[in-house]
Amino acid sequence: MEVPAVNQSFTHPPPQPWAGQSHRTPTMPPASCPPPPYHPTLNPDHRSAAVSVTPMANTTVTTGHHRPQSLYWDPSQPSHQDVFNPVPEITNMTTQGMPQRSYSESLPMSPVSNSKPESRYGLDPQLLPSVVQVIKEDKIQWEGKVFVSESKSSVPPLSSTQCTLEDRGNATSRFIRCTSYSFPVEAQSALKSHLPLGAIVCPLAMPERGERDVPVCEAGDCVKGCVHCGAFMSPAMSWQDCGQRFYCPFCDKLTEVSWRSYQPTNQGRRVDWEKKPELSLGSYEILEKQTGKAAVLLMAIDISASAMRTGQLDHICQQISSQLQALNGPDETDQSDLRVGLMTYDSRIHLYNLSPALSRPHMMVITDCEELELPVVEGLLVPLKDCIHIAERVLQEIALFNPESENRSSSQELPVSAGLKILQAAGSPGKLLLFHSSPFSEGTNQKSSSGFFSSSKVKSIFQGPDSSTSLAKECVNQGCSVHMFVFSHQEVGGAWPGHIPFLTGGGLICYDSLQSEMEQERFRTDLSRCVNMQMAFKVQLRVFVSKEMRISGCYGSIIACPDSCCVSIAAFDRRTALAFEFTHNKSLDETRGVAIQFVLSYINSSGENRTRIHTIILSASHQLLDTFRSSQAETLLTFYCKKMYSLALEIPLQSLREELQTEVTEMLACFRKHSCTSTVSPGQLVLPQFLKAVPAYINSLRKSEVLLPGLRSSVHQRLQLRSLIVSMDTRSTASQFYPLILPLSVSADNANIPSSLGEAVRCTVSSLDPGGLYLIYCPLALLLWVGSCVPPQTLLQLFNTNSFSYLTSGEINLPVLENSLSISTRALICSLQSSAAVTLQLKLVPESCEEESLQRLLVEDKSPNGGASYADFLFHLHVNALRLIV
């Protein structure tokens, strides 16, 4: 049955005057609250929780027994679902039916106001399931504790919870997170649940403090894996015949063990299992005997006439020189063996011979760029310790170049082709850093970006030109990671230069100008992070899954290929994650469960060939209830985000938004019909315990700028957002679609400010108190919201001014003041910036400022591009789920 889209063609009622009260997440009720409803057919382990969702004008609602019900939830009682009792009017609407038509999502949102946002259907948003509350409860349960990751273990803590993860035969959730930790045995049950069976893998994630590093063992010391399918040894293999052979769950075959590595077994385990990581741990790494060539660093600088007229070339060269000096080290014993190269470009390529044998550097100009060939190879890549002074001299001379009278346009693909030729000639992987200052021109192969508001034209926006895709494939084969720094502000017109960088594991960072000190500092920090970032090159990721399952999709920042079992990537860093989807071939064995193995083969910066193996064993169940209650909302969000953003290359956005709503509606309807542990009235909203945050997350994803463009959305902005978000790990994705809003202390005597997610407030305008200060953070934005009623003394301590009227919206650097509030606020900002992949510039947003960037982050409210509020979206999910059941 087709599920109608959310009705979003409406306008908000006039804003209500601010009542002077800050709406917070409901706290725990007093002891006088009524007891939970009685379920005579349930055992205590399946008791559900009852929560009333009332109109904002009321505080109670009369149930069928004519007694008031208030907010109630006892976390001490184990439950696998939460039941929400809406008002009788909503129940009547569910029986009478809703309009059966689809509605547009294009109405703009009114400016941010401190009036309490109202739902179209009279629901109080503060009484709906809260993402902030879910995160807080998980922190209370797990923060500071140890979660043991064993075979068929339970749901791990959330990615935002600071706890220690211990590997005891299963890869921890730092590396692998599954949409469900209990797969349905039958394929029909999996289809019925509409719960995707997938995994988010971040193979190079860094362990937290207190966790051990991934152990490294020599290739010759490891027990060999399956000779039939190529899977590596892991705890998922089961031993037979006293250790003479083992059973592989990935191909359902037996493998004989060579006499050199034979050891007897005791109770199904080899006697040496504790001494070998491949037998006892879910994650380990193999150091191969063969070594390749070390990675190189190649830099290309735009010296076209238009680039030199910007006046930014001198600063760019100074920063590159400073980074090379820092890489080389202050002492002779610390000097770097990293090979570096320099080149400049306009419509031609200028190569520089940095050989220390020369008295002065030589420059070679390549004018024929149609069929690019290198005139020489020697001297183009030289160890930094041998050419540091020559490189500095070249950079000084580049900054003094005179712009030519002829306006030679520069192409973003030309320096990539030249850099790739240099790496191919050297036989080395590496990073290619481009510093581009001139406007980008629309190439002949670039598809037109006109008409991007029409869903039928979407594929022409997100798909790169064929020439860029072909060049990116060559970079992947060579292990060339392209990182581009763009210094020309160009929101409309021209080609978007990010296709090649993001498809090669690199990135694109844009700056308005380097004239301001804030932009110069941001560029310095970004360049330092890029140069020093440890990466894996020439990456090949192979995936093995139990014989009864197959891989049906791979989603992320990759070049699409027909074989999802093996993915090739030019470079990989510790933040990059991919999503894989699995489908049944036949029924699972409930006793064996499901085994999944990810094998990452790569070359590190030193040229070592390494193979990192992550294996996880999940349970299988005949009960759909087990599948639902072992799922996690943030993992589902990350999976859907990567899948939808990847499918946006081919499928119209309207279809993707409708598919998201349909999938979630079908999922909730299935849980209500087949897994609900009690009989509930039609007016009650039923959500699985660990999926209470799914409606808020999915609504935020549906109305994101990528899937729902607003009137002010630019094509370049949406392309950049999609490319950045699609490669994020689970923690970054969750905070991107539900930002962190931290209230700062406004008291001069108490500057203790929140430093953890547990003290955050909900992402709605009603959470912003006019008397408060709030830091609003997501991986791509950092805002400081200032209420109009903040005490003058607090403004003086933080901004060095005591007048609210002197504060203007825009980027800001907080003054360095010697008081507790200023020190602690700047420390928190530095902490938040350090966790972001790019340098975030703090933006000041005074109250009542019509700042669209703030409106986008208040994801529970109606968004500027017309996306529905959380309350309205949840109401429609509930109504449509009921219609499916009926």
Foldseek 3Di string as FASTA:
>chain_A
DFAAAFAQPDAFDPFDDAPQDFDFQDDADDPPADDADDFVVDDQQAGEEEAEWEFPVDQFAQDPVRDTHHGHDDVVGHHFWYKYFYHVVLLVDLVVDDDPHYHDFFFFHDFQDLGQGADPVRTRVSRAQFPLVLLLVLQVVAAAEEDEADAQDFFDGDPQHHHHYHWFFAFDVLFKDWQFQAAAQFQVLVVLQLRFTKMKGLQQADGDPPYDDAAEDEPVVAFADDPPPRDGQGLLWWADDQQQWTADLQARDIDGGDPVPGAGDDPRAGPCQVVHCSNTGQKHKYFYPDFFAFAAEEEEEEDFLQQLVQVCLLLVLVLVLVLLDVCQDDDPVSGFQHWYAYWYDFCWIWGWQQALVDPAIDIDIGNPQPDDDDPDQHRRIGGSSRRSVRSNVVSVVSNVDDHDPDGGHHALVRVLVVVLNNLVVVLHAYEYEYEEEHAAAADPQQADPPPCQDLVCLLSQQDGGPVLVVSLVSLLQSLYAYAYEYEDDDQDHHDQNFLSNLQQAYAYHYDPHCPDPVRSVQVSVQVNCRVPFWKWAFKKKAKTKGPQKDWDDKFFSHDDDPDPRIGTHSMHGSFFMMMITMGGPGGDDQVSAMKMKMWMWTATNNRITMIMMGMHGGGYDNAVSSRQSSGAQLRSLLNLLRVLLRCSNPGGLVVSLSVLLVSLLSNQLSCLPRPNPRDDRLSMRMHTPRNSCNLLSSLLSSCDCLSQPHPPDTSNVNNNVSSVQSGGGSVQNVCQSAWFKWWADLDQVDGDTDQRSSRTGGLASSNDRLQTWIWTDHLAETEIEHHQNRQLVSCCQWAVGSHPVVDDWFFDDIDDDPGSNNVVVVVSVVVRQVVHPGGYTYIYHYPPDSDLVSQSNSSQPQHRSSRHHSVSSSSSSSSSSSVVND
